């Protein structure tokens, strides 16, 4: 969701960004996740023509998705703070 929050994204772009961050994920895992997020109303997608082949599905966050991402980021900050506190 963090990647898609920046701009619409195609699956291969999402995978490349994850790989750059040392988070290895395969398409077979990403597609079901994106499907679930779309079913929950957190993502939408549009089809765009590609110069290199068939049309591509580009994902974007919905307003509900941006709200959920904000909650997740706050939860992560709290969890990270707790872990840092425990490790002192």
PDB file of N, CA and C in Angstrom:
ATOM      1  N   UNK A   1       0.823  -1.184   0.000  1.00  0.00           N
ATOM      2  CA  UNK A   1       0.000   0.000   0.000  1.00  0.00           C
ATOM      3  C   UNK A   1       0.875   1.259   0.000  1.00  0.00           C
ATOM      4  N   UNK A   2       2.028   1.176   0.661  1.00  0.00           N
ATOM      5  CA  UNK A   2       2.926   2.330   0.668  1.00  0.00           C
ATOM      6  C   UNK A   2       3.401   2.679  -0.742  1.00  0.00           C
ATOM      7  N   UNK A   3       3.702   1.676  -1.530  1.00  0.00           N
ATOM      8  CA  UNK A   3       4.171   1.899  -2.898  1.00  0.00           C
ATOM      9  C   UNK A   3       3.052   2.483  -3.748  1.00  0.00           C
ATOM     10  N   UNK A   4       1.880   1.911  -3.648  1.00  0.00           N
ATOM     11  CA  UNK A   4       0.747   2.363  -4.448  1.00  0.00           C
ATOM     12  C   UNK A   4       0.284   3.752  -4.001  1.00  0.00           C
ATOM     13  N   UNK A   5       0.542   4.109  -2.761  1.00  0.00           N
ATOM     14  CA  UNK A   5       0.158   5.422  -2.258  1.00  0.00           C
ATOM     15  C   UNK A   5       0.904   6.547  -2.977  1.00  0.00           C
ATOM     16  N   UNK A   6       2.130   6.267  -3.428  1.00  0.00           N
ATOM     17  CA  UNK A   6       2.933   7.283  -4.124  1.00  0.00           C
ATOM     18  C   UNK A   6       2.347   7.636  -5.485  1.00  0.00           C
ATOM     19  N   UNK A   7       1.915   6.595  -6.202  1.00  0.00           N
ATOM     20  CA  UNK A   7       1.383   6.765  -7.554  1.00  0.00           C
ATOM     21  C   UNK A   7       0.760   5.445  -7.977  1.00  0.00           C
ATOM     22  N   UNK A   8      -0.034   5.459  -9.031  1.00  0.00           N
ATOM     23  CA  UNK A   8      -0.564   4.194  -9.514  1.00  0.00           C
ATOM     24  C   UNK A   8       0.604   3.290  -9.862  1.00  0.00           C
ATOM     25  N   UNK A   9       0.390   1.985  -9.743  1.00  0.00           N
ATOM     26  CA  UNK A   9       1.509   1.065  -9.968  1.00  0.00           C
ATOM     27  C   UNK A   9       1.038  -0.219 -10.627  1.00  0.00           C
ATOM     28  N   UNK A  10       1.867  -0.721 -11.499  1.00  0.00           N
ATOM     29  CA  UNK A  10       1.696  -1.997 -12.181  1.00  0.00           C
ATOM     30  C   UNK A  10       2.418  -3.059 -11.347  1.00  0.00           C
ATOM     31  N   UNK A  11       1.971  -4.290 -11.401  1.00  0.00           N
ATOM     32  CA  UNK A  11       2.520  -5.349 -10.548  1.00  0.00           C
ATOM     33  C   UNK A  11       4.039  -5.455 -10.645  1.00  0.00           C
ATOM     34  N   UNK A  12       4.589  -5.399 -11.843  1.00  0.00           N
ATOM     35  CA  UNK A  12       6.049  -5.529 -11.958  1.00  0.00           C
ATOM     36  C   UNK A  12       6.761  -4.350 -11.294  1.00  0.00           C
ATOM     37  N   UNK A  13       6.159  -3.170 -11.308  1.00  0.00           N
ATOM     38  CA  UNK A  13       6.744  -2.012 -10.619  1.00  0.00           C
ATOM     39  C   UNK A  13       6.714  -2.221  -9.108  1.00  0.00           C
ATOM     40  N   UNK A  14       5.616  -2.756  -8.614  1.00  0.00           N
ATOM     41  CA  UNK A  14       5.488  -3.033  -7.177  1.00  0.00           C
ATOM     42  C   UNK A  14       6.550  -4.046  -6.754  1.00  0.00           C
ATOM     43  N   UNK A  15       6.687  -5.113  -7.537  1.00  0.00           N
ATOM     44  CA  UNK A  15       7.684  -6.141  -7.222  1.00  0.00           C
ATOM     45  C   UNK A  15       9.100  -5.571  -7.245  1.00  0.00           C
ATOM     46  N   UNK A  16       9.403  -4.703  -8.205  1.00  0.00           N
ATOM     47  CA  UNK A  16      10.732  -4.102  -8.299  1.00  0.00           C
ATOM     48  C   UNK A  16      11.014  -3.221  -7.080  1.00  0.00           C
ATOM     49  N   UNK A  17      10.023  -2.454  -6.652  1.00  0.00           N
ATOM     50  CA  UNK A  17      10.199  -1.602  -5.464  1.00  0.00           C
ATOM     51  C   UNK A  17      10.415  -2.450  -4.209  1.00  0.00           C
ATOM     52  N   UNK A  18       9.660  -3.521  -4.084  1.00  0.00           N
ATOM     53  CA  UNK A  18       9.831  -4.409  -2.937  1.00  0.00           C
ATOM     54  C   UNK A  18      11.214  -5.033  -2.937  1.00  0.00           C
ATOM     55  N   UNK A  19      11.671  -5.444  -4.116  1.00  0.00           N
ATOM     56  CA  UNK A  19      13.000  -6.055  -4.232  1.00  0.00           C
ATOM     57  C   UNK A  19      14.091  -5.054  -3.837  1.00  0.00           C
ATOM     58  N   UNK A  20      13.942  -3.784  -4.253  1.00  0.00           N
ATOM     59  CA  UNK A  20      14.914  -2.747  -3.878  1.00  0.00           C
ATOM     60  C   UNK A  20      14.989  -2.579  -2.365  1.00  0.00           C
ATOM     61  N   UNK A  21      13.886  -2.864  -1.689  1.00  0.00           N
ATOM     62  CA  UNK A  21      13.831  -2.733  -0.226  1.00  0.00           C
ATOM     63  C   UNK A  21      14.146  -4.048   0.474  1.00  0.00           C
ATOM     64  N   UNK A  22      14.681  -5.011  -0.276  1.00  0.00           N
ATOM     65  CA  UNK A  22      15.024  -6.336   0.248  1.00  0.00           C
ATOM     66  C   UNK A  22      13.808  -7.101   0.765  1.00  0.00           C
ATOM     67  N   UNK A  23      12.662  -6.825   0.211  1.00  0.00           N
ATOM     68  CA  UNK A  23      11.444  -7.578   0.538  1.00  0.00           C
ATOM     69  C   UNK A  23      11.081  -8.384  -0.709  1.00  0.00           C
ATOM     70  N   UNK A  24      11.462  -9.616  -0.704  1.00  0.00           N
ATOM     71  CA  UNK A  24      11.243 -10.469  -1.870  1.00  0.00           C
ATOM     72  C   UNK A  24       9.851 -11.077  -1.800  1.00  0.00           C
ATOM     73  N   UNK A  25       9.087 -10.846  -2.848  1.00  0.00           N
ATOM     74  CA  UNK A  25       7.718 -11.335  -2.944  1.00  0.00           C
ATOM     75  C   UNK A  25       7.511 -11.762  -4.384  1.00  0.00           C
ATOM     76  N   UNK A  26       6.819 -12.849  -4.602  1.00  0.00           N
ATOM     77  CA  UNK A  26       6.591 -13.322  -5.960  1.00  0.00           C
ATOM     78  C   UNK A  26       5.186 -12.934  -6.413  1.00  0.00           C
ATOM     79  N   UNK A  27       4.997 -12.916  -7.729  1.00  0.00           N
ATOM     80  CA  UNK A  27       3.698 -12.543  -8.289  1.00  0.00           C
ATOM     81  C   UNK A  27       2.570 -13.403  -7.724  1.00  0.00           C
ATOM     82  N   UNK A  28       2.860 -14.679  -7.523  1.00  0.00           N
ATOM     83  CA  UNK A  28       1.840 -15.596  -7.017  1.00  0.00           C
ATOM     84  C   UNK A  28       1.343 -15.229  -5.632  1.00  0.00           C
ATOM     85  N   UNK A  29       2.129 -14.468  -4.899  1.00  0.00           N
ATOM     86  CA  UNK A  29       1.714 -13.985  -3.584  1.00  0.00           C
ATOM     87  C   UNK A  29       1.073 -12.610  -3.693  1.00  0.00           C
ATOM     88  N   UNK A  30       1.605 -11.779  -4.576  1.00  0.00           N
ATOM     89  CA  UNK A  30       1.133 -10.398  -4.693  1.00  0.00           C
ATOM     90  C   UNK A  30      -0.273 -10.307  -5.294  1.00  0.00           C
ATOM     91  N   UNK A  31      -0.552 -11.075  -6.327  1.00  0.00           N
ATOM     92  CA  UNK A  31      -1.868 -10.986  -6.974  1.00  0.00           C
ATOM     93  C   UNK A  31      -3.027 -11.279  -6.004  1.00  0.00           C
ATOM     94  N   UNK A  32      -2.954 -12.349  -5.204  1.00  0.00           N
ATOM     95  CA  UNK A  32      -4.057 -12.577  -4.245  1.00  0.00           C
ATOM     96  C   UNK A  32      -4.181 -11.449  -3.216  1.00  0.00           C
ATOM     97  N   UNK A  33      -3.056 -10.893  -2.799  1.00  0.00           N
ATOM     98  CA  UNK A  33      -3.080  -9.784  -1.846  1.00  0.00           C
ATOM     99  C   UNK A  33      -3.766  -8.564  -2.471  1.00  0.00           C
ATOM    100  N   UNK A  34      -3.390  -8.221  -3.695  1.00  0.00           N
ATOM    101  CA  UNK A  34      -4.022  -7.090  -4.374  1.00  0.00           C
ATOM    102  C   UNK A  34      -5.513  -7.334  -4.576  1.00  0.00           C
ATOM    103  N   UNK A  35      -5.860  -8.558  -4.908  1.00  0.00           N
ATOM    104  CA  UNK A  35      -7.287  -8.922  -5.079  1.00  0.00           C
ATOM    105  C   UNK A  35      -8.065  -8.720  -3.792  1.00  0.00           C
ATOM    106  N   UNK A  36      -7.472  -9.165  -2.686  1.00  0.00           N
ATOM    107  CA  UNK A  36      -8.143  -9.016  -1.391  1.00  0.00           C
ATOM    108  C   UNK A  36      -8.318  -7.545  -1.027  1.00  0.00           C
ATOM    109  N   UNK A  37      -7.268  -6.751  -1.242  1.00  0.00           N
ATOM    110  CA  UNK A  37      -7.348  -5.321  -0.942  1.00  0.00           C
ATOM    111  C   UNK A  37      -8.403  -4.631  -1.813  1.00  0.00           C
ATOM    112  N   UNK A  38      -8.517  -5.067  -3.062  1.00  0.00           N
ATOM    113  CA  UNK A  38      -9.553  -4.508  -3.943  1.00  0.00           C
ATOM    114  C   UNK A  38     -10.939  -4.909  -3.446  1.00  0.00           C
ATOM    115  N   UNK A  39     -11.105  -6.161  -3.059  1.00  0.00           N
ATOM    116  CA  UNK A  39     -12.399  -6.640  -2.551  1.00  0.00           C
ATOM    117  C   UNK A  39     -12.820  -5.879  -1.295  1.00  0.00           C
ATOM    118  N   UNK A  40     -11.833  -5.458  -0.493  1.00  0.00           N
ATOM    119  CA  UNK A  40     -12.121  -4.712   0.726  1.00  0.00           C
ATOM    120  C   UNK A  40     -12.341  -3.224   0.450  1.00  0.00           C
ATOM    121  N   UNK A  41     -12.227  -2.825  -0.816  1.00  0.00           N
ATOM    122  CA  UNK A  41     -12.445  -1.432  -1.181  1.00  0.00           C
ATOM    123  C   UNK A  41     -11.265  -0.522  -0.901  1.00  0.00           C
ATOM    124  N   UNK A  42     -10.092  -1.112  -0.684  1.00  0.00           N
ATOM    125  CA  UNK A  42      -8.902  -0.326  -0.363  1.00  0.00           C
ATOM    126  C   UNK A  42      -8.109   0.073  -1.608  1.00  0.00           C
ATOM    127  N   UNK A  43      -8.307  -0.680  -2.693  1.00  0.00           N
ATOM    128  CA  UNK A  43      -7.640  -0.416  -3.969  1.00  0.00           C
ATOM    129  C   UNK A  43      -8.656  -0.355  -5.083  1.00  0.00           C
ATOM    130  N   UNK A  44      -8.279   0.354  -6.137  1.00  0.00           N
ATOM    131  CA  UNK A  44      -9.021   0.300  -7.394  1.00  0.00           C
ATOM    132  C   UNK A  44      -7.977   0.047  -8.479  1.00  0.00           C
ATOM    133  N   UNK A  45      -8.433  -0.227  -9.680  1.00  0.00           N
ATOM    134  CA  UNK A  45      -7.472  -0.390 -10.762  1.00  0.00           C
ATOM    135  C   UNK A  45      -8.065   0.115 -12.066  1.00  0.00           C
ATOM    136  N   UNK A  46      -7.167   0.442 -12.987  1.00  0.00           N
ATOM    137  CA  UNK A  46      -7.560   0.818 -14.341  1.00  0.00           C
ATOM    138  C   UNK A  46      -6.683   0.041 -15.303  1.00  0.00           C
ATOM    139  N   UNK A  47      -7.244  -0.233 -16.465  1.00  0.00           N
ATOM    140  CA  UNK A  47      -6.477  -0.887 -17.513  1.00  0.00           C
ATOM    141  C   UNK A  47      -5.879   0.190 -18.399  1.00  0.00           C
ATOM    142  N   UNK A  48      -4.588   0.059 -18.710  1.00  0.00           N
ATOM    143  CA  UNK A  48      -3.927   1.013 -19.597  1.00  0.00           C
ATOM    144  C   UNK A  48      -3.195   0.248 -20.685  1.00  0.00           C
ATOM    145  N   UNK A  49      -3.272   0.781 -21.896  1.00  0.00           N
ATOM    146  CA  UNK A  49      -2.575   0.161 -23.019  1.00  0.00           C
ATOM    147  C   UNK A  49      -1.069   0.197 -22.774  1.00  0.00           C
ATOM    148  N   UNK A  50      -0.390  -0.826 -23.256  1.00  0.00           N
ATOM    149  CA  UNK A  50       1.060  -0.921 -23.108  1.00  0.00           C
ATOM    150  C   UNK A  50       1.702  -0.940 -24.486  1.00  0.00           C
ATOM    151  N   UNK A  51       2.828  -0.273 -24.616  1.00  0.00           N
ATOM    152  CA  UNK A  51       3.585  -0.291 -25.874  1.00  0.00           C
ATOM    153  C   UNK A  51       4.319  -1.617 -26.042  1.00  0.00           C
ATOM    154  N   UNK A  52       4.457  -2.359 -24.935  1.00  0.00           N
ATOM    155  CA  UNK A  52       5.254  -3.589 -24.956  1.00  0.00           C
ATOM    156  C   UNK A  52       4.426  -4.862 -24.949  1.00  0.00           C
ATOM    157  N   UNK A  53       3.129  -4.778 -25.086  1.00  0.00           N
ATOM    158  CA  UNK A  53       2.314  -5.986 -25.055  1.00  0.00           C
ATOM    159  C   UNK A  53       0.870  -5.693 -24.701  1.00  0.00           C
ATOM    160  N   UNK A  54       0.247  -6.629 -23.994  1.00  0.00           N
ATOM    161  CA  UNK A  54      -1.168  -6.463 -23.669  1.00  0.00           C
ATOM    162  C   UNK A  54      -1.397  -5.323 -22.670  1.00  0.00           C
ATOM    163  N   UNK A  55      -2.647  -4.883 -22.522  1.00  0.00           N
ATOM    164  CA  UNK A  55      -2.948  -3.830 -21.541  1.00  0.00           C
ATOM    165  C   UNK A  55      -2.509  -4.249 -20.143  1.00  0.00           C
ATOM    166  N   UNK A  56      -2.190  -3.257 -19.325  1.00  0.00           N
ATOM    167  CA  UNK A  56      -1.723  -3.508 -17.967  1.00  0.00           C
ATOM    168  C   UNK A  56      -2.719  -2.961 -16.961  1.00  0.00           C
ATOM    169  N   UNK A  57      -2.797  -3.641 -15.833  1.00  0.00           N
ATOM    170  CA  UNK A  57      -3.679  -3.229 -14.752  1.00  0.00           C
ATOM    171  C   UNK A  57      -2.852  -2.382 -13.772  1.00  0.00           C
ATOM    172  N   UNK A  58      -3.238  -1.122 -13.619  1.00  0.00           N
ATOM    173  CA  UNK A  58      -2.556  -0.218 -12.694  1.00  0.00           C
ATOM    174  C   UNK A  58      -3.428  -0.016 -11.462  1.00  0.00           C
ATOM    175  N   UNK A  59      -2.815  -0.219 -10.309  1.00  0.00           N
ATOM    176  CA  UNK A  59      -3.524  -0.132  -9.030  1.00  0.00           C
ATOM    177  C   UNK A  59      -3.347   1.241  -8.401  1.00  0.00           C
ATOM    178  N   UNK A  60      -4.390   1.695  -7.688  1.00  0.00           N
ATOM    179  CA  UNK A  60      -4.353   2.963  -6.951  1.00  0.00           C
ATOM    180  C   UNK A  60      -5.096   2.770  -5.638  1.00  0.00           C
ATOM    181  N   UNK A  61      -4.705   3.539  -4.640  1.00  0.00           N
ATOM    182  CA  UNK A  61      -5.421   3.500  -3.368  1.00  0.00           C
ATOM    183  C   UNK A  61      -6.717   4.294  -3.481  1.00  0.00           C
ATOM    184  N   UNK A  62      -7.745   3.793  -2.859  1.00  0.00           N
ATOM    185  CA  UNK A  62      -8.994   4.537  -2.748  1.00  0.00           C
ATOM    186  C   UNK A  62      -8.893   5.435  -1.511  1.00  0.00           C
ATOM    187  N   UNK A  63      -9.882   6.271  -1.296  1.00  0.00           N
ATOM    188  CA  UNK A  63      -9.897   7.083  -0.072  1.00  0.00           C
ATOM    189  C   UNK A  63      -9.888   6.175   1.156  1.00  0.00           C
ATOM    190  N   UNK A  64     -10.675   5.105   1.085  1.00  0.00           N
ATOM    191  CA  UNK A  64     -10.706   4.143   2.188  1.00  0.00           C
ATOM    192  C   UNK A  64      -9.332   3.506   2.388  1.00  0.00           C
ATOM    193  N   UNK A  65      -8.618   3.243   1.296  1.00  0.00           N
ATOM    194  CA  UNK A  65      -7.279   2.673   1.366  1.00  0.00           C
ATOM    195  C   UNK A  65      -6.290   3.626   2.007  1.00  0.00           C
ATOM    196  N   UNK A  66      -6.396   4.919   1.671  1.00  0.00           N
ATOM    197  CA  UNK A  66      -5.502   5.909   2.286  1.00  0.00           C
ATOM    198  C   UNK A  66      -5.772   6.017   3.787  1.00  0.00           C
ATOM    199  N   UNK A  67      -7.046   5.944   4.181  1.00  0.00           N
ATOM    200  CA  UNK A  67      -7.388   5.968   5.612  1.00  0.00           C
ATOM    201  C   UNK A  67      -6.797   4.750   6.323  1.00  0.00           C
ATOM    202  N   UNK A  68      -6.949   3.575   5.712  1.00  0.00           N
ATOM    203  CA  UNK A  68      -6.419   2.338   6.290  1.00  0.00           C
ATOM    204  C   UNK A  68      -4.900   2.399   6.396  1.00  0.00           C
ATOM    205  N   UNK A  69      -4.249   2.918   5.373  1.00  0.00           N
ATOM    206  CA  UNK A  69      -2.792   3.044   5.392  1.00  0.00           C
ATOM    207  C   UNK A  69      -2.354   3.963   6.528  1.00  0.00           C
ATOM    208  N   UNK A  70      -3.064   5.032   6.735  1.00  0.00           N
ATOM    209  CA  UNK A  70      -2.742   5.948   7.834  1.00  0.00           C
ATOM    210  C   UNK A  70      -2.825   5.232   9.182  1.00  0.00           C
ATOM    211  N   UNK A  71      -3.849   4.429   9.361  1.00  0.00           N
ATOM    212  CA  UNK A  71      -4.012   3.645  10.598  1.00  0.00           C
ATOM    213  C   UNK A  71      -2.877   2.638  10.747  1.00  0.00           C
ATOM    214  N   UNK A  72      -2.533   1.963   9.662  1.00  0.00           N
ATOM    215  CA  UNK A  72      -1.446   0.977   9.701  1.00  0.00           C
ATOM    216  C   UNK A  72      -0.109   1.631  10.033  1.00  0.00           C
ATOM    217  N   UNK A  73       0.145   2.802   9.473  1.00  0.00           N
ATOM    218  CA  UNK A  73       1.394   3.509   9.760  1.00  0.00           C
ATOM    219  C   UNK A  73       1.469   3.904  11.233  1.00  0.00           C
ATOM    220  N   UNK A  74       0.363   4.356  11.795  1.00  0.00           N
ATOM    221  CA  UNK A  74       0.330   4.731  13.211  1.00  0.00           C
ATOM    222  C   UNK A  74       0.543   3.498  14.084  1.00  0.00           C
ATOM    223  N   UNK A  75      -0.089   2.393  13.725  1.00  0.00           N
ATOM    224  CA  UNK A  75       0.089   1.145  14.464  1.00  0.00           C
ATOM    225  C   UNK A  75       1.544   0.703  14.411  1.00  0.00           C
ATOM    226  N   UNK A  76       2.177   0.827  13.243  1.00  0.00           N
ATOM    227  CA  UNK A  76       3.580   0.450  13.096  1.00  0.00           C
ATOM    228  C   UNK A  76       4.466   1.322  13.982  1.00  0.00           C
ATOM    229  N   UNK A  77       4.194   2.635  14.030  1.00  0.00           N
ATOM    230  CA  UNK A  77       4.980   3.526  14.879  1.00  0.00           C
ATOM    231  C   UNK A  77       4.870   3.107  16.345  1.00  0.00           C
ATOM    232  N   UNK A  78       3.669   2.777  16.788  1.00  0.00           N
ATOM    233  CA  UNK A  78       3.466   2.358  18.178  1.00  0.00           C
ATOM    234  C   UNK A  78       4.195   1.050  18.465  1.00  0.00           C
ATOM    235  N   UNK A  79       4.087   0.086  17.558  1.00  0.00           N
ATOM    236  CA  UNK A  79       4.761  -1.203  17.716  1.00  0.00           C
ATOM    237  C   UNK A  79       6.278  -1.020  17.725  1.00  0.00           C
ATOM    238  N   UNK A  80       6.771  -0.232  16.814  1.00  0.00           N
ATOM    239  CA  UNK A  80       8.210   0.032  16.728  1.00  0.00           C
ATOM    240  C   UNK A  80       8.717   0.700  17.999  1.00  0.00           C
ATOM    241  N   UNK A  81       7.942   1.632  18.517  1.00  0.00           N
ATOM    242  CA  UNK A  81       8.317   2.315  19.760  1.00  0.00           C
ATOM    243  C   UNK A  81       8.365   1.332  20.920  1.00  0.00           C
ATOM    244  N   UNK A  82       7.385   0.451  20.991  1.00  0.00           N
ATOM    245  CA  UNK A  82       7.360  -0.554  22.061  1.00  0.00           C
ATOM    246  C   UNK A  82       8.559  -1.483  21.962  1.00  0.00           C
ATOM    247  N   UNK A  83       8.879  -1.920  20.769  1.00  0.00           N
ATOM    248  CA  UNK A  83      10.024  -2.827  20.585  1.00  0.00           C
ATOM    249  C   UNK A  83      11.316  -2.108  20.959  1.00  0.00           C
ATOM    250  N   UNK A  84      11.462  -0.866  20.532  1.00  0.00           N
ATOM    251  CA  UNK A  84      12.661  -0.095  20.890  1.00  0.00           C
ATOM    252  C   UNK A  84      12.775   0.069  22.386  1.00  0.00           C
ATOM    253  N   UNK A  85      11.662   0.309  23.047  1.00  0.00           N
ATOM    254  CA  UNK A  85      11.653   0.464  24.495  1.00  0.00           C
ATOM    255  C   UNK A  85      12.072  -0.832  25.182  1.00  0.00           C
ATOM    256  N   UNK A  86      11.587  -1.948  24.698  1.00  0.00           N
ATOM    257  CA  UNK A  86      11.924  -3.240  25.278  1.00  0.00           C
ATOM    258  C   UNK A  86      13.384  -3.622  25.065  1.00  0.00           C
ATOM    259  N   UNK A  87      13.953  -3.161  23.989  1.00  0.00           N
ATOM    260  CA  UNK A  87      15.321  -3.573  23.667  1.00  0.00           C
ATOM    261  C   UNK A  87      16.377  -2.729  24.373  1.00  0.00           C
ATOM    262  N   UNK A  88      15.961  -1.750  25.126  1.00  0.00           N
ATOM    263  CA  UNK A  88      16.926  -0.898  25.871  1.00  0.00           C
ATOM    264  C   UNK A  88      17.389  -1.566  27.120  1.00  0.00           C
TER     265      UNK A  88
END
